[in-house]
Amino acid sequence: MEHRGRGRVCVTGASGFLASWLIKRLLLSGYHVIGTVRDLGKKKKYEYLWSLEGATERLQLVQADLMEEGSFDNAIMGCKGVFHVASPVLNTISDPKSEILEPAVKGTLNVLRSCGKNPALGRVVLTSSSSTLRLRDDFDPNTPLDESSWSSLEICEKLQAWYAMAKTQAERAAWEYCKEKGINLVTVLPSFIIGPSLPPNLCSTASDVLGLLKGETKRFQLLGRMGYVHIDDVALCQILVYENEDSHGRYLCSSTVMGEDDLASLLANRYPTLPISKRFEKLDRPHYELNTGKLRSLGFKFKSVEEMFDDCIASLVKQGHVTLHQGHGPIE
């Protein structure tokens, strides 16, 4: 396997859950990282990044906004690679089209236009989502879904699955643009990302897990059957497909697919002192598996579901969100 040198790379949305972990891994690998943040004035959102090993020597933060044309030019110019991780940040949604769909597509194209101005650019790695391939009603439940599958925009709209719709539209727009402009693009499609959180404020994913550990079932009831993947695996996968000269197309990144009841039972048995509910209403959801053979063919090995949730819960304990009685860690 050939590798690109440990050069200068840009990571968009640097202060986020996944991007911050990717930056940690890139720094440990010897890269010089240019991270983008929406507002350099809001230091509390990103100052924790400076405690990462190698940050003081090889991390630079630049202000850039997904919705501001050309704002990524300075961050991307001179970089050999770009990892586009940033997504529009939303708390409440009143108008999905203007608040999620348009920003996702416009923001992605804005970043790619800046990539097109950089003659030194080797490859762009776009973080998409497994939701771009599994929301459809015409697949065979006996045949695992792979990178050839795309979610139906009609079904996304019918289910009001705005995140999935936004990710699908943004990735399709990225492929179309990069093909037209000759940009070397690879996309990574993580499933539900689980693991330790570097940011002090919990992202929606970590908040969902915290709710499950406290006995709430609503969010995971809505998720239903879901693929899960360790955050470190997603970061390592992104770096692998960036460095591997033969990488091409889409890469599904997921360790284990589980129903919400099986997941809750596993965690309740593993952490008996936590009030995890095993009671879920049975909904009529399609059964599916995910085929990650393309990524595994590069020699990639995934961490287990037990390891990802142990690391996630240890992080929540460390940050004071969960209390485990002394001597009551995970039961093997």
C-alpha atoms as a PDB file:
ATOM      1  CA  MET A   1       0.000   0.000   0.000  1.00  0.00           C
ATOM      2  CA  GLU A   2       1.367   3.405  -0.960  1.00  0.00           C
ATOM      3  CA  HIS A   3       1.027   6.368   1.359  1.00  0.00           C
ATOM      4  CA  ARG A   4       0.920  10.098   0.838  1.00  0.00           C
ATOM      5  CA  GLY A   5       3.421  11.990   2.993  1.00  0.00           C
ATOM      6  CA  ARG A   6       2.434  13.368   6.384  1.00  0.00           C
ATOM      7  CA  GLY A   7       1.731  16.795   4.937  1.00  0.00           C
ATOM      8  CA  ARG A   8      -0.675  19.648   5.506  1.00  0.00           C
ATOM      9  CA  VAL A   9      -4.401  18.801   5.644  1.00  0.00           C
ATOM     10  CA  CYS A  10      -7.579  20.729   6.408  1.00  0.00           C
ATOM     11  CA  VAL A  11     -10.400  19.469   8.649  1.00  0.00           C
ATOM     12  CA  THR A  12     -13.686  21.393   8.511  1.00  0.00           C
ATOM     13  CA  GLY A  13     -15.875  21.778  11.601  1.00  0.00           C
ATOM     14  CA  ALA A  14     -12.858  21.232  13.869  1.00  0.00           C
ATOM     15  CA  SER A  15     -14.650  21.609  17.210  1.00  0.00           C
ATOM     16  CA  GLY A  16     -17.226  18.889  16.522  1.00  0.00           C
ATOM     17  CA  PHE A  17     -17.534  15.383  18.003  1.00  0.00           C
ATOM     18  CA  LEU A  18     -16.043  13.484  15.057  1.00  0.00           C
ATOM     19  CA  ALA A  19     -13.795  16.206  13.602  1.00  0.00           C
ATOM     20  CA  SER A  20     -12.012  16.743  16.919  1.00  0.00           C
ATOM     21  CA  TRP A  21     -11.245  13.013  17.194  1.00  0.00           C
ATOM     22  CA  LEU A  22     -10.038  12.974  13.585  1.00  0.00           C
ATOM     23  CA  ILE A  23      -7.736  15.914  14.370  1.00  0.00           C
ATOM     24  CA  LYS A  24      -6.413  14.003  17.392  1.00  0.00           C
ATOM     25  CA  ARG A  25      -5.570  11.032  15.158  1.00  0.00           C
ATOM     26  CA  LEU A  26      -4.049  13.183  12.402  1.00  0.00           C
ATOM     27  CA  LEU A  27      -1.810  14.986  14.878  1.00  0.00           C
ATOM     28  CA  LEU A  28      -0.683  11.668  16.388  1.00  0.00           C
ATOM     29  CA  SER A  29       0.164  10.534  12.839  1.00  0.00           C
ATOM     30  CA  GLY A  30       2.379  13.577  12.273  1.00  0.00           C
ATOM     31  CA  TYR A  31       0.150  15.704  10.042  1.00  0.00           C
ATOM     32  CA  HIS A  32       0.022  19.501  10.111  1.00  0.00           C
ATOM     33  CA  VAL A  33      -3.684  20.256  10.551  1.00  0.00           C
ATOM     34  CA  ILE A  34      -5.615  23.374   9.584  1.00  0.00           C
ATOM     35  CA  GLY A  35      -8.941  23.183  11.414  1.00  0.00           C
ATOM     36  CA  THR A  36     -11.882  25.438  10.603  1.00  0.00           C
ATOM     37  CA  VAL A  37     -14.295  26.833  13.189  1.00  0.00           C
ATOM     38  CA  ARG A  38     -17.326  29.038  12.612  1.00  0.00           C
ATOM     39  CA  ASP A  39     -16.319  31.738  15.095  1.00  0.00           C
ATOM     40  CA  LEU A  40     -12.824  32.155  16.524  1.00  0.00           C
ATOM     41  CA  GLY A  41     -14.339  34.498  19.106  1.00  0.00           C
ATOM     42  CA  LYS A  42     -16.152  31.596  20.814  1.00  0.00           C
ATOM     43  CA  LYS A  43     -13.049  30.079  22.395  1.00  0.00           C
ATOM     44  CA  LYS A  44     -14.941  27.831  24.822  1.00  0.00           C
ATOM     45  CA  LYS A  45     -16.173  25.765  21.872  1.00  0.00           C
ATOM     46  CA  TYR A  46     -12.716  24.831  20.640  1.00  0.00           C
ATOM     47  CA  GLU A  47     -10.062  25.644  23.260  1.00  0.00           C
ATOM     48  CA  TYR A  48      -9.924  21.989  24.378  1.00  0.00           C
ATOM     49  CA  LEU A  49      -8.267  21.197  21.030  1.00  0.00           C
ATOM     50  CA  TRP A  50      -5.068  22.859  22.217  1.00  0.00           C
ATOM     51  CA  SER A  51      -4.596  20.095  24.818  1.00  0.00           C
ATOM     52  CA  LEU A  52      -4.265  17.456  22.084  1.00  0.00           C
ATOM     53  CA  GLU A  53      -0.804  15.951  21.658  1.00  0.00           C
ATOM     54  CA  GLY A  54       1.017  17.847  18.896  1.00  0.00           C
ATOM     55  CA  ALA A  55      -1.530  20.670  18.768  1.00  0.00           C
ATOM     56  CA  THR A  56       0.785  23.481  19.823  1.00  0.00           C
ATOM     57  CA  GLU A  57       3.273  22.509  17.094  1.00  0.00           C
ATOM     58  CA  ARG A  58       1.034  21.361  14.229  1.00  0.00           C
ATOM     59  CA  LEU A  59      -2.529  22.656  14.658  1.00  0.00           C
ATOM     60  CA  GLN A  60      -3.789  25.937  13.259  1.00  0.00           C
ATOM     61  CA  LEU A  61      -7.394  27.125  13.575  1.00  0.00           C
ATOM     62  CA  VAL A  62      -9.011  29.304  10.900  1.00  0.00           C
ATOM     63  CA  GLN A  63     -12.463  30.898  10.847  1.00  0.00           C
ATOM     64  CA  ALA A  64     -14.786  29.719   8.069  1.00  0.00           C
ATOM     65  CA  ASP A  65     -18.558  29.476   7.654  1.00  0.00           C
ATOM     66  CA  LEU A  66     -20.295  26.867   5.487  1.00  0.00           C
ATOM     67  CA  MET A  67     -22.748  29.471   4.229  1.00  0.00           C
ATOM     68  CA  GLU A  68     -20.140  32.135   3.435  1.00  0.00           C
ATOM     69  CA  GLU A  69     -18.849  31.842  -0.131  1.00  0.00           C
ATOM     70  CA  GLY A  70     -15.071  31.608  -0.328  1.00  0.00           C
ATOM     71  CA  SER A  71     -14.544  31.565   3.428  1.00  0.00           C
ATOM     72  CA  PHE A  72     -12.656  28.240   3.204  1.00  0.00           C
ATOM     73  CA  ASP A  73     -10.174  29.483   0.594  1.00  0.00           C
ATOM     74  CA  ASN A  74      -7.426  30.447   3.059  1.00  0.00           C
ATOM     75  CA  ALA A  75      -7.792  27.271   5.146  1.00  0.00           C
ATOM     76  CA  ILE A  76      -7.636  24.928   2.150  1.00  0.00           C
ATOM     77  CA  MET A  77      -5.009  26.678  -0.003  1.00  0.00           C
ATOM     78  CA  GLY A  78      -1.726  24.755   0.133  1.00  0.00           C
ATOM     79  CA  CYS A  79      -3.224  21.651   1.775  1.00  0.00           C
ATOM     80  CA  LYS A  80      -2.565  18.241   0.245  1.00  0.00           C
ATOM     81  CA  GLY A  81      -5.812  16.867   1.602  1.00  0.00           C
ATOM     82  CA  VAL A  82      -9.186  18.076   2.878  1.00  0.00           C
ATOM     83  CA  PHE A  83     -11.437  16.202   5.297  1.00  0.00           C
ATOM     84  CA  HIS A  84     -14.895  17.773   5.033  1.00  0.00           C
ATOM     85  CA  VAL A  85     -16.649  16.818   8.269  1.00  0.00           C
ATOM     86  CA  ALA A  86     -18.606  19.993   9.104  1.00  0.00           C
ATOM     87  CA  SER A  87     -22.409  19.935   8.979  1.00  0.00           C
ATOM     88  CA  PRO A  88     -24.970  22.669   9.689  1.00  0.00           C
ATOM     89  CA  VAL A  89     -25.616  22.863  13.438  1.00  0.00           C
ATOM     90  CA  LEU A  90     -29.268  22.851  14.478  1.00  0.00           C
ATOM     91  CA  ASN A  91     -31.149  22.650  17.746  1.00  0.00           C
ATOM     92  CA  THR A  92     -34.761  23.077  16.682  1.00  0.00           C
ATOM     93  CA  ILE A  93     -36.113  22.779  13.158  1.00  0.00           C
ATOM     94  CA  SER A  94     -39.046  24.801  11.868  1.00  0.00           C
ATOM     95  CA  ASP A  95     -38.256  24.878   8.143  1.00  0.00           C
ATOM     96  CA  PRO A  96     -36.279  21.758   7.125  1.00  0.00           C
ATOM     97  CA  LYS A  97     -35.627  22.927   3.559  1.00  0.00           C
ATOM     98  CA  SER A  98     -33.964  26.220   4.467  1.00  0.00           C
ATOM     99  CA  GLU A  99     -32.441  25.083   7.777  1.00  0.00           C
ATOM    100  CA  ILE A 100     -31.036  21.659   6.859  1.00  0.00           C
ATOM    101  CA  LEU A 101     -31.283  20.730   3.184  1.00  0.00           C
ATOM    102  CA  GLU A 102     -30.026  23.912   1.522  1.00  0.00           C
ATOM    103  CA  PRO A 103     -27.167  24.531   4.011  1.00  0.00           C
ATOM    104  CA  ALA A 104     -25.947  20.927   3.695  1.00  0.00           C
ATOM    105  CA  VAL A 105     -25.712  21.099  -0.096  1.00  0.00           C
ATOM    106  CA  LYS A 106     -24.557  24.728  -0.320  1.00  0.00           C
ATOM    107  CA  GLY A 107     -22.007  24.239   2.450  1.00  0.00           C
ATOM    108  CA  THR A 108     -20.524  21.158   0.799  1.00  0.00           C
ATOM    109  CA  LEU A 109     -20.280  22.862  -2.598  1.00  0.00           C
ATOM    110  CA  ASN A 110     -18.785  25.947  -0.953  1.00  0.00           C
ATOM    111  CA  VAL A 111     -15.978  23.819   0.526  1.00  0.00           C
ATOM    112  CA  LEU A 112     -15.461  21.968  -2.772  1.00  0.00           C
ATOM    113  CA  ARG A 113     -15.196  25.230  -4.715  1.00  0.00           C
ATOM    114  CA  SER A 114     -12.374  26.252  -2.384  1.00  0.00           C
ATOM    115  CA  CYS A 115     -10.794  22.828  -2.977  1.00  0.00           C
ATOM    116  CA  GLY A 116     -10.916  23.484  -6.722  1.00  0.00           C
ATOM    117  CA  LYS A 117      -8.813  26.639  -6.298  1.00  0.00           C
ATOM    118  CA  ASN A 118      -5.949  24.712  -4.657  1.00  0.00           C
ATOM    119  CA  PRO A 119      -3.463  23.304  -7.210  1.00  0.00           C
ATOM    120  CA  ALA A 120      -1.669  21.329  -4.458  1.00  0.00           C
ATOM    121  CA  LEU A 121      -4.757  19.309  -3.517  1.00  0.00           C
ATOM    122  CA  GLY A 122      -4.434  15.542  -3.750  1.00  0.00           C
ATOM    123  CA  ARG A 123      -7.688  14.205  -2.346  1.00  0.00           C
ATOM    124  CA  VAL A 124     -10.905  15.208  -0.562  1.00  0.00           C
ATOM    125  CA  VAL A 125     -12.474  12.880   2.001  1.00  0.00           C
ATOM    126  CA  LEU A 126     -16.140  13.734   2.590  1.00  0.00           C
ATOM    127  CA  THR A 127     -17.888  12.437   5.708  1.00  0.00           C
ATOM    128  CA  SER A 128     -21.308  11.300   4.589  1.00  0.00           C
ATOM    129  CA  SER A 129     -23.547   8.844   6.469  1.00  0.00           C
ATOM    130  CA  SER A 130     -24.942   5.316   6.274  1.00  0.00           C
ATOM    131  CA  SER A 131     -28.329   7.058   6.210  1.00  0.00           C
ATOM    132  CA  THR A 132     -27.551   7.880   2.558  1.00  0.00           C
ATOM    133  CA  LEU A 133     -27.998   4.218   1.621  1.00  0.00           C
ATOM    134  CA  ARG A 134     -30.482   2.533   3.963  1.00  0.00           C
ATOM    135  CA  LEU A 135     -33.695   4.592   3.684  1.00  0.00           C
ATOM    136  CA  ARG A 136     -35.366   2.765   0.823  1.00  0.00           C
ATOM    137  CA  ASP A 137     -38.165   0.216   0.519  1.00  0.00           C
ATOM    138  CA  ASP A 138     -37.007  -1.892  -2.398  1.00  0.00           C
ATOM    139  CA  PHE A 139     -34.102  -3.865  -0.972  1.00  0.00           C
ATOM    140  CA  ASP A 140     -33.919  -7.575  -0.200  1.00  0.00           C
ATOM    141  CA  PRO A 141     -33.591  -7.988   3.602  1.00  0.00           C
ATOM    142  CA  ASN A 142     -31.499 -11.115   2.950  1.00  0.00           C
ATOM    143  CA  THR A 143     -28.895  -9.129   0.985  1.00  0.00           C
ATOM    144  CA  PRO A 144     -26.773  -6.732   3.074  1.00  0.00           C
ATOM    145  CA  LEU A 145     -26.738  -3.124   1.864  1.00  0.00           C
ATOM    146  CA  ASP A 146     -23.466  -1.859   0.420  1.00  0.00           C
ATOM    147  CA  GLU A 147     -22.028   1.272  -1.193  1.00  0.00           C
ATOM    148  CA  SER A 148     -24.042   0.763  -4.388  1.00  0.00           C
ATOM    149  CA  SER A 149     -27.263   1.587  -2.516  1.00  0.00           C
ATOM    150  CA  TRP A 150     -28.737   5.091  -2.242  1.00  0.00           C
ATOM    151  CA  SER A 151     -31.572   6.275  -0.006  1.00  0.00           C
ATOM    152  CA  SER A 152     -34.805   7.359  -1.646  1.00  0.00           C
ATOM    153  CA  LEU A 153     -35.396  11.101  -1.283  1.00  0.00           C
ATOM    154  CA  GLU A 154     -39.137  10.453  -1.491  1.00  0.00           C
ATOM    155  CA  ILE A 155     -39.006   8.064   1.470  1.00  0.00           C
ATOM    156  CA  CYS A 156     -36.763  10.461   3.422  1.00  0.00           C
ATOM    157  CA  GLU A 157     -39.343  13.205   2.911  1.00  0.00           C
ATOM    158  CA  LYS A 158     -42.254  10.907   3.764  1.00  0.00           C
ATOM    159  CA  LEU A 159     -40.534   9.889   7.031  1.00  0.00           C
ATOM    160  CA  GLN A 160     -39.379  13.483   7.646  1.00  0.00           C
ATOM    161  CA  ALA A 161     -35.864  12.071   7.880  1.00  0.00           C
ATOM    162  CA  TRP A 162     -34.306  15.443   7.137  1.00  0.00           C
ATOM    163  CA  TYR A 163     -30.783  14.526   8.234  1.00  0.00           C
ATOM    164  CA  ALA A 164     -30.729  11.517   5.903  1.00  0.00           C
ATOM    165  CA  MET A 165     -32.201  13.595   3.086  1.00  0.00           C
ATOM    166  CA  ALA A 166     -29.629  16.369   3.592  1.00  0.00           C
ATOM    167  CA  LYS A 167     -26.703  13.931   3.692  1.00  0.00           C
ATOM    168  CA  THR A 168     -27.955  12.130   0.574  1.00  0.00           C
ATOM    169  CA  GLN A 169     -28.423  15.344  -1.396  1.00  0.00           C
ATOM    170  CA  ALA A 170     -25.072  16.745  -0.244  1.00  0.00           C
ATOM    171  CA  GLU A 171     -23.138  13.591  -1.149  1.00  0.00           C
ATOM    172  CA  ARG A 172     -24.801  13.326  -4.563  1.00  0.00           C
ATOM    173  CA  ALA A 173     -24.024  17.001  -5.231  1.00  0.00           C
ATOM    174  CA  ALA A 174     -20.408  16.429  -4.172  1.00  0.00           C
ATOM    175  CA  TRP A 175     -19.956  13.510  -6.570  1.00  0.00           C
ATOM    176  CA  GLU A 176     -21.471  15.471  -9.442  1.00  0.00           C
ATOM    177  CA  TYR A 177     -19.317  18.541  -8.775  1.00  0.00           C
ATOM    178  CA  CYS A 178     -16.050  16.619  -8.273  1.00  0.00           C
ATOM    179  CA  LYS A 179     -16.608  14.564 -11.421  1.00  0.00           C
ATOM    180  CA  GLU A 180     -17.158  17.770 -13.393  1.00  0.00           C
ATOM    181  CA  LYS A 181     -14.110  19.527 -11.915  1.00  0.00           C
ATOM    182  CA  GLY A 182     -11.768  16.544 -11.779  1.00  0.00           C
ATOM    183  CA  ILE A 183     -11.412  16.580  -7.969  1.00  0.00           C
ATOM    184  CA  ASN A 184     -10.242  13.304  -6.376  1.00  0.00           C
ATOM    185  CA  LEU A 185     -13.098  12.539  -3.970  1.00  0.00           C
ATOM    186  CA  VAL A 186     -13.632   9.638  -1.563  1.00  0.00           C
ATOM    187  CA  THR A 187     -16.632   9.476   0.780  1.00  0.00           C
ATOM    188  CA  VAL A 188     -16.920   7.712   4.139  1.00  0.00           C
ATOM    189  CA  LEU A 189     -20.355   6.585   5.331  1.00  0.00           C
ATOM    190  CA  PRO A 190     -20.305   5.998   9.101  1.00  0.00           C
ATOM    191  CA  SER A 191     -23.239   4.448  10.910  1.00  0.00           C
ATOM    192  CA  PHE A 192     -24.239   5.699  14.403  1.00  0.00           C
ATOM    193  CA  ILE A 193     -20.945   6.914  15.928  1.00  0.00           C
ATOM    194  CA  ILE A 194     -20.276   5.835  19.514  1.00  0.00           C
ATOM    195  CA  GLY A 195     -17.270   6.566  21.716  1.00  0.00           C
ATOM    196  CA  PRO A 196     -15.523   9.062  23.959  1.00  0.00           C
ATOM    197  CA  SER A 197     -16.302  12.749  23.505  1.00  0.00           C
ATOM    198  CA  LEU A 198     -13.501  15.330  23.420  1.00  0.00           C
ATOM    199  CA  PRO A 199     -15.762  18.443  23.382  1.00  0.00           C
ATOM    200  CA  PRO A 200     -17.018  19.464  26.847  1.00  0.00           C
ATOM    201  CA  ASN A 201     -20.555  19.971  25.519  1.00  0.00           C
ATOM    202  CA  LEU A 202     -22.229  16.743  24.469  1.00  0.00           C
ATOM    203  CA  CYS A 203     -23.268  16.408  20.845  1.00  0.00           C
ATOM    204  CA  SER A 204     -26.674  14.961  19.961  1.00  0.00           C
ATOM    205  CA  THR A 205     -25.230  11.450  19.562  1.00  0.00           C
ATOM    206  CA  ALA A 206     -23.678  11.384  23.049  1.00  0.00           C
ATOM    207  CA  SER A 207     -26.860  12.940  24.470  1.00  0.00           C
ATOM    208  CA  ASP A 208     -28.900  10.131  22.899  1.00  0.00           C
ATOM    209  CA  VAL A 209     -26.684   7.507  24.549  1.00  0.00           C
ATOM    210  CA  LEU A 210     -26.883   9.353  27.870  1.00  0.00           C
ATOM    211  CA  GLY A 211     -30.677   9.284  27.628  1.00  0.00           C
ATOM    212  CA  LEU A 212     -30.646   5.515  27.038  1.00  0.00           C
ATOM    213  CA  LEU A 213     -28.409   5.003  30.090  1.00  0.00           C
ATOM    214  CA  LYS A 214     -30.882   7.008  32.192  1.00  0.00           C
ATOM    215  CA  GLY A 215     -33.838   4.880  31.170  1.00  0.00           C
ATOM    216  CA  GLU A 216     -35.219   6.971  28.324  1.00  0.00           C
ATOM    217  CA  THR A 217     -36.305   5.027  25.255  1.00  0.00           C
ATOM    218  CA  LYS A 218     -37.805   7.590  22.879  1.00  0.00           C
ATOM    219  CA  ARG A 219     -34.741   8.402  20.771  1.00  0.00           C
ATOM    220  CA  PHE A 220     -33.549   4.810  20.332  1.00  0.00           C
ATOM    221  CA  GLN A 221     -37.141   3.733  19.693  1.00  0.00           C
ATOM    222  CA  LEU A 222     -37.142   6.138  16.738  1.00  0.00           C
ATOM    223  CA  LEU A 223     -33.759   4.869  15.521  1.00  0.00           C
ATOM    224  CA  GLY A 224     -34.878   1.248  15.539  1.00  0.00           C
ATOM    225  CA  ARG A 225     -32.392  -1.149  13.958  1.00  0.00           C
ATOM    226  CA  MET A 226     -29.113   0.679  13.519  1.00  0.00           C
ATOM    227  CA  GLY A 227     -25.479   0.178  12.634  1.00  0.00           C
ATOM    228  CA  TYR A 228     -22.956   1.261  15.267  1.00  0.00           C
ATOM    229  CA  VAL A 229     -19.284   2.190  14.945  1.00  0.00           C
ATOM    230  CA  HIS A 230     -16.522   3.383  17.286  1.00  0.00           C
ATOM    231  CA  ILE A 231     -15.492   7.010  16.745  1.00  0.00           C
ATOM    232  CA  ASP A 232     -11.831   5.973  16.592  1.00  0.00           C
ATOM    233  CA  ASP A 233     -12.640   3.543  13.782  1.00  0.00           C
ATOM    234  CA  VAL A 234     -14.282   6.334  11.783  1.00  0.00           C
ATOM    235  CA  ALA A 235     -11.239   8.587  12.203  1.00  0.00           C
ATOM    236  CA  LEU A 236      -8.823   5.775  11.308  1.00  0.00           C
ATOM    237  CA  CYS A 237     -10.959   4.862   8.281  1.00  0.00           C
ATOM    238  CA  GLN A 238     -10.911   8.462   7.053  1.00  0.00           C
ATOM    239  CA  ILE A 239      -7.124   8.564   7.280  1.00  0.00           C
ATOM    240  CA  LEU A 240      -6.793   5.124   5.656  1.00  0.00           C
ATOM    241  CA  VAL A 241      -8.839   6.034   2.582  1.00  0.00           C
ATOM    242  CA  TYR A 242      -7.006   9.369   2.329  1.00  0.00           C
ATOM    243  CA  GLU A 243      -3.579   7.729   2.399  1.00  0.00           C
ATOM    244  CA  ASN A 244      -4.352   4.693   0.242  1.00  0.00           C
ATOM    245  CA  GLU A 245      -3.637   5.596  -3.396  1.00  0.00           C
ATOM    246  CA  ASP A 246      -6.128   3.004  -4.650  1.00  0.00           C
ATOM    247  CA  SER A 247      -9.074   4.271  -2.572  1.00  0.00           C
ATOM    248  CA  HIS A 248     -12.065   5.205  -4.688  1.00  0.00           C
ATOM    249  CA  GLY A 249     -15.769   5.863  -4.388  1.00  0.00           C
ATOM    250  CA  ARG A 250     -17.776   5.337  -1.197  1.00  0.00           C
ATOM    251  CA  TYR A 251     -16.749   3.430   1.950  1.00  0.00           C
ATOM    252  CA  LEU A 252     -19.359   2.144   4.382  1.00  0.00           C
ATOM    253  CA  CYS A 253     -17.947   2.344   7.912  1.00  0.00           C
ATOM    254  CA  SER A 254     -19.901   0.267  10.452  1.00  0.00           C
ATOM    255  CA  SER A 255     -19.040  -2.411  12.998  1.00  0.00           C
ATOM    256  CA  THR A 256     -22.307  -3.984  14.174  1.00  0.00           C
ATOM    257  CA  VAL A 257     -25.991  -3.718  13.232  1.00  0.00           C
ATOM    258  CA  MET A 258     -28.394  -4.208  16.153  1.00  0.00           C
ATOM    259  CA  GLY A 259     -32.031  -3.706  17.053  1.00  0.00           C
ATOM    260  CA  GLU A 260     -32.704  -1.228  19.854  1.00  0.00           C
ATOM    261  CA  ASP A 261     -33.995  -3.973  22.176  1.00  0.00           C
ATOM    262  CA  ASP A 262     -30.890  -6.141  21.702  1.00  0.00           C
ATOM    263  CA  LEU A 263     -28.653  -3.135  22.306  1.00  0.00           C
ATOM    264  CA  ALA A 264     -30.514  -2.153  25.478  1.00  0.00           C
ATOM    265  CA  SER A 265     -30.377  -5.739  26.781  1.00  0.00           C
ATOM    266  CA  LEU A 266     -26.642  -5.940  26.136  1.00  0.00           C
ATOM    267  CA  LEU A 267     -25.992  -2.658  27.958  1.00  0.00           C
ATOM    268  CA  ALA A 268     -28.394  -3.425  30.826  1.00  0.00           C
ATOM    269  CA  ASN A 269     -26.634  -6.748  31.470  1.00  0.00           C
ATOM    270  CA  ARG A 270     -23.228  -5.131  31.151  1.00  0.00           C
ATOM    271  CA  TYR A 271     -24.081  -2.166  33.414  1.00  0.00           C
ATOM    272  CA  PRO A 272     -26.635  -3.539  35.906  1.00  0.00           C
ATOM    273  CA  THR A 273     -26.474  -0.471  38.174  1.00  0.00           C
ATOM    274  CA  LEU A 274     -27.707   1.853  35.430  1.00  0.00           C
ATOM    275  CA  PRO A 275     -31.492   2.229  34.897  1.00  0.00           C
ATOM    276  CA  ILE A 276     -31.416   1.101  31.264  1.00  0.00           C
ATOM    277  CA  SER A 277     -34.867   0.156  30.028  1.00  0.00           C
ATOM    278  CA  LYS A 278     -35.292  -2.989  27.923  1.00  0.00           C
ATOM    279  CA  ARG A 279     -38.880  -2.154  27.027  1.00  0.00           C
ATOM    280  CA  PHE A 280     -39.360  -0.973  23.470  1.00  0.00           C
ATOM    281  CA  GLU A 281     -42.532  -0.838  21.474  1.00  0.00           C
ATOM    282  CA  LYS A 282     -42.313  -3.189  18.508  1.00  0.00           C
ATOM    283  CA  LEU A 283     -42.463  -1.135  15.310  1.00  0.00           C
ATOM    284  CA  ASP A 284     -42.691  -2.485  11.788  1.00  0.00           C
ATOM    285  CA  ARG A 285     -39.187  -1.659  10.579  1.00  0.00           C
ATOM    286  CA  PRO A 286     -37.270  -3.322   7.754  1.00  0.00           C
ATOM    287  CA  HIS A 287     -34.556  -5.767   8.736  1.00  0.00           C
ATOM    288  CA  TYR A 288     -31.218  -4.965   7.138  1.00  0.00           C
ATOM    289  CA  GLU A 289     -27.532  -5.757   7.430  1.00  0.00           C
ATOM    290  CA  LEU A 290     -24.575  -3.707   6.175  1.00  0.00           C
ATOM    291  CA  ASN A 291     -21.819  -5.081   3.963  1.00  0.00           C
ATOM    292  CA  THR A 292     -18.502  -3.441   4.901  1.00  0.00           C
ATOM    293  CA  GLY A 293     -16.413  -5.747   2.744  1.00  0.00           C
ATOM    294  CA  LYS A 294     -14.988  -2.860   0.709  1.00  0.00           C
ATOM    295  CA  LEU A 295     -13.370  -1.250   3.759  1.00  0.00           C
ATOM    296  CA  ARG A 296     -12.355  -4.608   5.261  1.00  0.00           C
ATOM    297  CA  SER A 297     -10.592  -5.438   1.962  1.00  0.00           C
ATOM    298  CA  LEU A 298      -8.118  -2.653   2.845  1.00  0.00           C
ATOM    299  CA  GLY A 299      -7.238  -4.594   5.997  1.00  0.00           C
ATOM    300  CA  PHE A 300      -9.507  -2.580   8.283  1.00  0.00           C
ATOM    301  CA  LYS A 301     -10.752  -4.235  11.498  1.00  0.00           C
ATOM    302  CA  PHE A 302     -13.590  -2.771  13.571  1.00  0.00           C
ATOM    303  CA  LYS A 303     -13.832  -2.509  17.339  1.00  0.00           C
ATOM    304  CA  SER A 304     -16.708  -4.362  19.007  1.00  0.00           C
ATOM    305  CA  VAL A 305     -19.994  -2.840  20.150  1.00  0.00           C
ATOM    306  CA  GLU A 306     -18.970  -3.581  23.753  1.00  0.00           C
ATOM    307  CA  GLU A 307     -15.714  -1.648  23.339  1.00  0.00           C
ATOM    308  CA  MET A 308     -17.370   1.400  21.759  1.00  0.00           C
ATOM    309  CA  PHE A 309     -20.029   1.689  24.487  1.00  0.00           C
ATOM    310  CA  ASP A 310     -17.510   1.011  27.286  1.00  0.00           C
ATOM    311  CA  ASP A 311     -15.364   3.866  25.974  1.00  0.00           C
ATOM    312  CA  CYS A 312     -18.412   6.101  25.560  1.00  0.00           C
ATOM    313  CA  ILE A 313     -19.703   5.418  29.068  1.00  0.00           C
ATOM    314  CA  ALA A 314     -16.222   5.876  30.589  1.00  0.00           C
ATOM    315  CA  SER A 315     -16.108   9.290  28.897  1.00  0.00           C
ATOM    316  CA  LEU A 316     -19.571  10.220  30.210  1.00  0.00           C
ATOM    317  CA  VAL A 317     -18.476   9.171  33.714  1.00  0.00           C
ATOM    318  CA  LYS A 318     -15.273  11.206  33.456  1.00  0.00           C
ATOM    319  CA  GLN A 319     -17.244  14.291  32.369  1.00  0.00           C
ATOM    320  CA  GLY A 320     -19.684  13.847  35.246  1.00  0.00           C
ATOM    321  CA  HIS A 321     -22.783  12.924  33.216  1.00  0.00           C
ATOM    322  CA  VAL A 322     -23.067   9.358  34.562  1.00  0.00           C
ATOM    323  CA  THR A 323     -22.249   7.897  37.965  1.00  0.00           C
ATOM    324  CA  LEU A 324     -21.186   4.272  38.327  1.00  0.00           C
ATOM    325  CA  HIS A 325     -21.030   2.827  41.834  1.00  0.00           C
ATOM    326  CA  GLN A 326     -17.521   1.899  42.826  1.00  0.00           C
ATOM    327  CA  GLY A 327     -16.617  -1.522  41.524  1.00  0.00           C
ATOM    328  CA  HIS A 328     -19.592  -1.546  39.148  1.00  0.00           C
ATOM    329  CA  GLY A 329     -18.011  -1.030  35.763  1.00  0.00           C
ATOM    330  CA  PRO A 330     -18.821  -3.206  32.766  1.00  0.00           C
ATOM    331  CA  ILE A 331     -19.483  -6.873  33.515  1.00  0.00           C
ATOM    332  CA  GLU A 332     -17.567  -9.014  31.046  1.00  0.00           C
END
